[in-house]
Protein backbone atom coordinates (compact mmCIF):
# COMPACT_ATOMS: atom_id res chain seq x y z
CA MET A 1 -39.12 12.80 24.59
CA THR A 2 -38.74 10.02 22.04
CA THR A 3 -38.96 12.42 19.13
CA THR A 4 -36.35 14.72 20.67
CA SER A 5 -33.97 11.82 21.28
CA ALA A 6 -34.37 10.56 17.73
CA THR A 7 -33.73 14.04 16.38
CA SER A 8 -30.64 14.37 18.56
CA ARG A 9 -29.30 11.02 17.35
CA GLN A 10 -29.96 12.03 13.77
CA LYS A 11 -28.00 15.26 14.21
CA THR A 12 -25.01 13.56 15.78
CA ALA A 13 -24.91 10.51 13.50
CA PRO A 14 -21.71 10.42 11.42
CA ARG A 15 -22.14 11.28 7.77
CA GLY A 16 -19.98 10.81 4.71
CA LEU A 17 -16.32 10.13 5.46
CA SER A 18 -16.91 10.65 9.18
CA ALA A 19 -18.73 7.31 9.27
CA PHE A 20 -15.41 5.53 8.63
CA SER A 21 -12.43 5.19 10.93
CA PRO A 22 -9.32 7.32 10.25
CA GLU A 23 -7.36 4.11 9.63
CA ALA A 24 -9.77 2.94 6.93
CA ILE A 25 -9.64 6.31 5.16
CA PHE A 26 -5.87 6.42 5.46
CA VAL A 27 -5.52 2.99 3.84
CA ILE A 28 -7.53 4.22 0.84
CA SER A 29 -5.30 7.30 0.70
CA GLY A 30 -2.18 5.13 0.92
CA ILE A 31 -3.32 2.84 -1.88
CA SER A 32 -4.08 5.82 -4.10
CA GLN A 33 -0.76 7.55 -3.38
CA ASN A 34 1.32 4.42 -3.87
CA ALA A 35 -0.48 3.62 -7.13
CA GLY A 36 0.31 7.14 -8.31
CA SER A 37 3.98 6.73 -7.38
CA VAL A 38 4.21 3.49 -9.34
CA LEU A 39 2.60 5.20 -12.33
CA ALA A 40 4.95 8.19 -12.06
CA LYS A 41 8.07 6.03 -11.91
CA SER A 42 6.93 4.12 -14.99
CA ILE A 43 7.48 7.20 -17.20
CA PHE A 44 10.71 8.53 -15.66
CA GLY A 45 12.58 7.09 -18.64
CA GLU A 46 10.61 9.44 -20.90
CA VAL A 47 9.91 12.46 -18.69
CA ARG A 48 12.13 14.20 -16.15
CA PRO A 49 11.01 13.51 -12.55
CA ALA A 50 10.88 17.26 -11.84
CA THR A 51 8.54 17.74 -14.80
CA VAL A 52 6.25 14.96 -13.61
CA ALA A 53 6.15 16.53 -10.14
CA TRP A 54 5.29 19.98 -11.53
CA ILE A 55 2.53 18.78 -13.89
CA ARG A 56 1.13 16.57 -11.12
CA ILE A 57 0.92 19.54 -8.73
CA SER A 58 -0.42 21.94 -11.37
CA PHE A 59 -3.16 19.58 -12.56
CA ALA A 60 -4.19 18.77 -8.98
CA THR A 61 -4.34 22.50 -8.21
CA PHE A 62 -6.91 23.15 -10.95
CA VAL A 63 -9.01 20.14 -9.94
CA LEU A 64 -9.02 21.01 -6.24
CA LEU A 65 -9.81 24.68 -6.84
CA GLY A 66 -12.65 23.64 -9.13
CA LEU A 67 -14.10 21.26 -6.54
CA SER A 68 -13.87 23.77 -3.70
CA TRP A 69 -14.48 27.12 -5.38
CA ARG A 70 -17.35 28.00 -3.02
CA HIS A 71 -14.89 27.86 -0.10
CA TRP A 72 -12.23 30.18 -1.53
CA SER A 73 -13.68 32.32 -4.32
CA PRO A 74 -14.58 35.94 -3.42
CA TRP A 75 -17.39 35.71 -6.01
CA SER A 76 -19.07 32.63 -4.52
CA ARG A 77 -22.54 33.53 -3.29
CA ARG A 78 -25.70 31.65 -2.42
CA ASP A 79 -29.02 33.50 -2.06
CA GLY A 80 -27.08 36.76 -2.10
CA VAL A 81 -24.85 35.71 0.80
CA ARG A 82 -21.13 35.15 0.37
CA THR A 83 -20.28 31.50 1.04
CA ALA A 84 -16.48 31.86 1.38
CA ARG A 85 -15.14 33.62 4.48
CA PRO A 86 -12.08 35.89 4.06
CA TRP A 87 -8.62 34.44 4.66
CA THR A 88 -6.66 35.88 7.56
CA PRO A 89 -2.95 36.67 7.00
CA SER A 90 -2.02 33.83 9.35
CA GLU A 91 -4.18 31.33 7.45
CA ALA A 92 -2.83 32.51 4.10
CA ARG A 93 0.80 32.12 5.24
CA ALA A 94 0.22 28.65 6.69
CA THR A 95 -1.65 27.52 3.56
CA ALA A 96 1.06 28.84 1.21
CA LEU A 97 3.83 27.19 3.24
CA PHE A 98 1.84 23.95 3.25
CA GLY A 99 1.52 23.99 -0.54
CA CYS A 100 5.22 24.75 -1.00
CA THR A 101 6.06 21.89 1.37
CA ILE A 102 3.95 19.45 -0.67
CA ALA A 103 5.57 20.58 -3.92
CA LEU A 104 9.12 20.22 -2.55
CA MET A 105 8.30 16.88 -0.91
CA ASN A 106 7.02 15.49 -4.21
CA LEU A 107 9.93 16.94 -6.18
CA PHE A 108 12.58 15.47 -3.85
CA PHE A 109 10.74 12.14 -3.63
CA TYR A 110 10.57 11.72 -7.40
CA LEU A 111 14.23 12.67 -7.78
CA ALA A 112 15.02 10.03 -5.13
CA ILE A 113 12.98 7.13 -6.50
CA ASP A 114 14.46 7.81 -9.93
CA ARG A 115 17.68 6.60 -8.27
CA LEU A 116 16.37 4.23 -5.56
CA GLN A 117 13.87 1.39 -5.39
CA LEU A 118 10.39 2.72 -4.59
CA GLY A 119 9.84 0.57 -1.50
CA LYS A 120 13.29 1.25 -0.07
CA GLY A 121 13.00 4.98 -0.67
CA LEU A 122 9.58 5.16 0.94
CA ALA A 123 10.83 3.30 4.00
CA ILE A 124 13.87 5.58 4.43
CA GLU A 125 11.62 8.63 3.97
CA PHE A 126 9.70 7.52 7.06
CA ILE A 127 12.50 9.00 9.20
CA GLY A 128 10.64 12.34 9.08
CA PRO A 129 7.31 11.02 10.42
CA ILE A 130 9.21 9.04 13.07
CA ALA A 131 10.78 12.29 14.29
CA VAL A 132 7.38 13.98 14.49
CA ALA A 133 5.82 11.07 16.37
CA ALA A 134 8.78 10.80 18.75
CA SER A 135 8.62 14.50 19.60
CA ARG A 136 4.91 14.22 20.49
CA THR A 137 4.86 10.86 22.25
CA ARG A 138 3.83 11.27 25.89
CA THR A 139 2.70 7.83 27.03
CA ARG A 140 4.37 4.45 27.31
CA ARG A 141 1.75 2.90 25.03
CA ASN A 142 2.44 5.41 22.26
CA ALA A 143 6.19 4.98 22.70
CA VAL A 144 5.79 1.22 22.22
CA ALA A 145 3.59 1.82 19.15
CA LEU A 146 6.20 4.16 17.68
CA GLY A 147 9.00 1.66 18.35
CA LEU A 148 7.12 -1.19 16.68
CA ALA A 149 6.27 0.90 13.61
CA ALA A 150 9.83 2.21 13.26
CA LEU A 151 11.31 -1.29 13.65
CA GLY A 152 8.90 -2.63 11.04
CA VAL A 153 9.88 0.07 8.55
CA CYS A 154 13.57 -0.69 9.17
CA VAL A 155 12.93 -4.37 8.45
CA LEU A 156 11.00 -3.51 5.26
CA SER A 157 13.73 -1.15 4.08
CA GLY A 158 16.42 -3.72 4.76
CA LEU A 159 18.57 -0.72 5.76
CA GLU A 160 19.95 -0.84 2.20
CA ILE A 161 21.01 2.50 0.83
CA GLY A 162 23.98 1.28 -1.22
CA ASN A 163 26.39 3.77 -2.71
CA ASN A 164 23.76 6.04 -4.25
CA THR A 165 24.63 9.27 -2.47
CA GLU A 166 22.37 11.47 -4.61
CA GLY A 167 19.37 9.23 -4.06
CA VAL A 168 19.93 9.17 -0.30
CA VAL A 169 20.31 12.98 -0.13
CA PHE A 170 17.07 13.50 -2.08
CA ILE A 171 15.12 11.00 0.02
CA LEU A 172 16.34 12.62 3.25
CA LEU A 173 15.25 16.02 1.93
CA ALA A 174 11.86 14.50 1.09
CA SER A 175 11.77 13.05 4.61
CA SER A 176 12.24 16.48 6.18
CA MET A 177 9.45 17.86 3.98
CA TRP A 178 7.22 14.95 5.03
CA ALA A 179 7.71 15.88 8.68
CA THR A 180 6.81 19.49 7.87
CA TYR A 181 3.81 18.27 5.86
CA ILE A 182 2.38 16.57 8.95
CA VAL A 183 2.74 19.63 11.18
CA LEU A 184 1.53 22.22 8.67
CA GLY A 185 -1.09 19.88 7.22
CA SER A 186 -2.71 19.49 10.63
CA ARG A 187 -2.85 23.27 11.04
CA VAL A 188 -4.35 23.84 7.58
CA ALA A 189 -6.86 21.02 8.06
CA ARG A 190 -8.10 22.61 11.30
CA GLN A 191 -8.86 25.84 9.42
CA ASP A 192 -12.03 24.03 8.33
CA ARG A 193 -11.85 24.97 4.66
CA GLY A 194 -12.12 21.47 3.25
CA LEU A 195 -10.26 20.92 0.00
CA ALA A 196 -9.92 24.67 -0.53
CA GLY A 197 -6.97 24.86 1.86
CA LEU A 198 -5.11 22.20 -0.11
CA GLY A 199 -5.99 23.73 -3.48
CA VAL A 200 -5.06 27.30 -2.57
CA GLY A 201 -1.80 26.13 -0.99
CA LEU A 202 -0.83 24.23 -4.12
CA VAL A 203 -1.04 27.42 -6.16
CA ALA A 204 2.05 28.60 -4.27
CA GLY A 205 3.64 25.15 -4.52
CA SER A 206 3.14 24.93 -8.27
CA LEU A 207 4.71 28.35 -8.79
CA LEU A 208 7.65 27.46 -6.55
CA ILE A 209 8.79 24.42 -8.54
CA ALA A 210 7.76 25.75 -11.97
CA PRO A 211 11.30 26.92 -12.87
CA VAL A 212 12.64 23.34 -12.62
CA GLY A 213 9.47 21.58 -13.70
CA VAL A 214 8.69 23.47 -16.87
CA VAL A 215 11.96 22.34 -18.48
CA GLY A 216 11.11 19.52 -20.87
CA SER A 217 7.35 19.91 -20.40
CA ALA A 218 6.73 20.79 -24.06
CA GLU A 219 7.15 17.16 -25.06
CA VAL A 220 4.65 16.08 -22.40
CA PHE A 221 2.02 18.58 -23.53
CA SER A 222 2.47 17.44 -27.13
CA THR A 223 2.15 13.73 -26.25
CA PRO A 224 -1.39 12.84 -25.05
CA ARG A 225 -0.27 9.58 -23.43
CA LEU A 226 2.38 11.23 -21.28
CA LEU A 227 0.12 14.15 -20.38
CA ALA A 228 -2.70 11.79 -19.39
CA THR A 229 -0.30 9.77 -17.24
CA CYS A 230 1.00 12.86 -15.42
CA CYS A 231 -2.57 14.04 -14.81
CA ALA A 232 -3.55 10.59 -13.53
CA VAL A 233 -0.61 10.76 -11.12
CA GLY A 234 -1.90 14.10 -9.83
CA LEU A 235 -5.41 12.72 -9.44
CA LEU A 236 -4.28 9.63 -7.53
CA THR A 237 -1.60 11.14 -5.33
CA THR A 238 -2.72 14.69 -4.62
CA VAL A 239 -6.45 15.09 -5.29
CA ILE A 240 -7.51 11.75 -3.81
CA GLY A 241 -4.57 10.78 -1.60
CA GLN A 242 -3.66 14.08 0.03
CA GLY A 243 -7.26 15.25 -0.09
CA LEU A 244 -8.16 12.28 2.13
CA ASP A 245 -5.12 13.06 4.30
CA GLN A 246 -6.64 16.47 5.03
CA HIS A 247 -9.82 14.80 6.26
CA VAL A 248 -7.83 12.44 8.49
CA LEU A 249 -5.72 15.29 9.90
CA ARG A 250 -8.89 17.12 10.91
CA ARG A 251 -9.85 14.16 13.10
CA ILE A 252 -6.64 12.93 14.71
CA ALA A 253 -3.52 14.38 16.30
CA PRO A 254 -0.33 14.74 14.21
CA ARG A 255 1.41 12.14 16.40
CA ARG A 256 -1.14 9.48 15.55
CA PHE A 257 -1.09 10.42 11.87
CA ALA A 258 2.72 10.17 11.81
CA VAL A 259 2.62 6.59 13.15
CA MET A 260 -0.09 5.65 10.65
CA LEU A 261 2.24 6.73 7.85
CA ALA A 262 4.22 3.58 8.60
CA LEU A 263 1.44 1.80 6.71
CA LEU A 264 2.65 3.28 3.41
CA PRO A 265 5.65 0.93 2.97
CA VAL A 266 3.32 -1.94 3.88
CA ILE A 267 0.80 -0.86 1.24
CA ALA A 268 3.63 -0.49 -1.29
CA THR A 269 4.78 -4.05 -0.59
CA VAL A 270 1.24 -5.42 -1.01
CA LEU A 271 0.67 -3.45 -4.25
CA ALA A 272 3.97 -4.70 -5.66
CA PHE A 273 2.86 -8.26 -4.92
CA LEU A 274 -0.58 -7.80 -6.51
CA THR A 275 0.46 -5.81 -9.59
CA LEU A 276 4.09 -6.75 -10.22
CA ASP A 277 4.14 -10.26 -8.72
CA GLU A 278 6.97 -9.21 -6.40
CA ARG A 279 6.58 -11.72 -3.60
CA PRO A 280 7.48 -10.45 -0.10
CA SER A 281 10.16 -12.40 1.73
CA PRO A 282 9.53 -13.90 5.20
CA LEU A 283 11.49 -10.93 6.62
CA ASP A 284 9.18 -8.53 4.76
CA LEU A 285 6.19 -10.25 6.36
CA VAL A 286 7.79 -9.76 9.78
CA GLY A 287 8.19 -6.05 8.98
CA ILE A 288 4.56 -5.77 7.90
CA ALA A 289 3.42 -7.47 11.11
CA LEU A 290 5.49 -5.05 13.23
CA VAL A 291 4.07 -1.99 11.47
CA LEU A 292 0.50 -3.23 11.85
CA ALA A 293 1.15 -3.98 15.52
CA GLY A 294 2.41 -0.42 16.01
CA VAL A 295 -0.63 1.13 14.33
CA ILE A 296 -2.99 -1.08 16.34
CA THR A 297 -1.20 -0.40 19.64
CA GLN A 298 -1.30 3.41 19.53
CA GLN A 299 -4.01 5.28 21.38
CA ARG A 300 -7.18 6.06 19.41
CA ASP A 301 -7.48 9.71 20.44
CA GLU A 302 -9.56 11.80 18.04
CA LEU A 303 -9.92 15.55 17.80
CA PRO A 304 -13.36 17.21 18.10
CA GLN A 305 -15.17 17.18 14.79
CA LEU A 306 -15.48 20.61 13.18
CA VAL A 307 -18.35 19.89 10.82
CA ASP A 308 -20.29 16.95 9.53
CA GLU A 309 -18.97 15.66 6.21
CA PRO A 310 -18.74 15.26 3.25
CA ILE A 311 -15.73 17.53 2.92
CA GLN A 312 -15.59 19.69 -0.20
């Protein structure tokens, strides 16, 4: 009896990333993605934003496919048995749309923050996740959580969009892609293909934005510093950041994930303080407190785990 119980506990004990809360993993993802955005914006004076977005996506595609080849390659075998199950047409369509959504979201976001402040743009972009969370909120507690998070983001943004029409249009387009990213990302994550779903989807995304991204890329490929920076952006934002997002989306509902995205402007504010010595104002601190209150207030519903981690 004791041995059986111990064995049962051992089988059900969380492993790898599953041992950590979705919030903790999401914070790591947010730090990585924000750091990548700061790095990307630092070279916009030398490289077109569209080119940075394309190289970022392309580099991340190769890395992700390399890490997950056993889960997508038709030649992957172990002991004579194929380790990658075939893709259904429905899975292939969802994965391709997901990759195209990521590519467009990144393209529009970079075009926007080339014209807007990073923190302000990120806060305005949160309109998309707010819409997703609002459409899926069914309890008073979640409605309160959504309201607190949305109010906090409004305070952090300062509701300042100025007269930059192009920047606002691009950030609203990125916002709509972000909303689609949440919905499609949850579906792809539940396919239980680990990083392979993200990598295969980005093949389609990279091809989609190649016509606008390849322009001006020759200079990047001939300048090691710029190429290394673009690759680092891809590693931070897509491989690490969105790779961790896929793990989180396998565990929690899209509504909860959408509210957690309110943490991104908070993380951006903290990173700016630590790396750029941009001190948050008292009003910014109020906004941060509201966002944190919203994330803490929402219900902690988790989806059934598909497999024990680590995810590959």
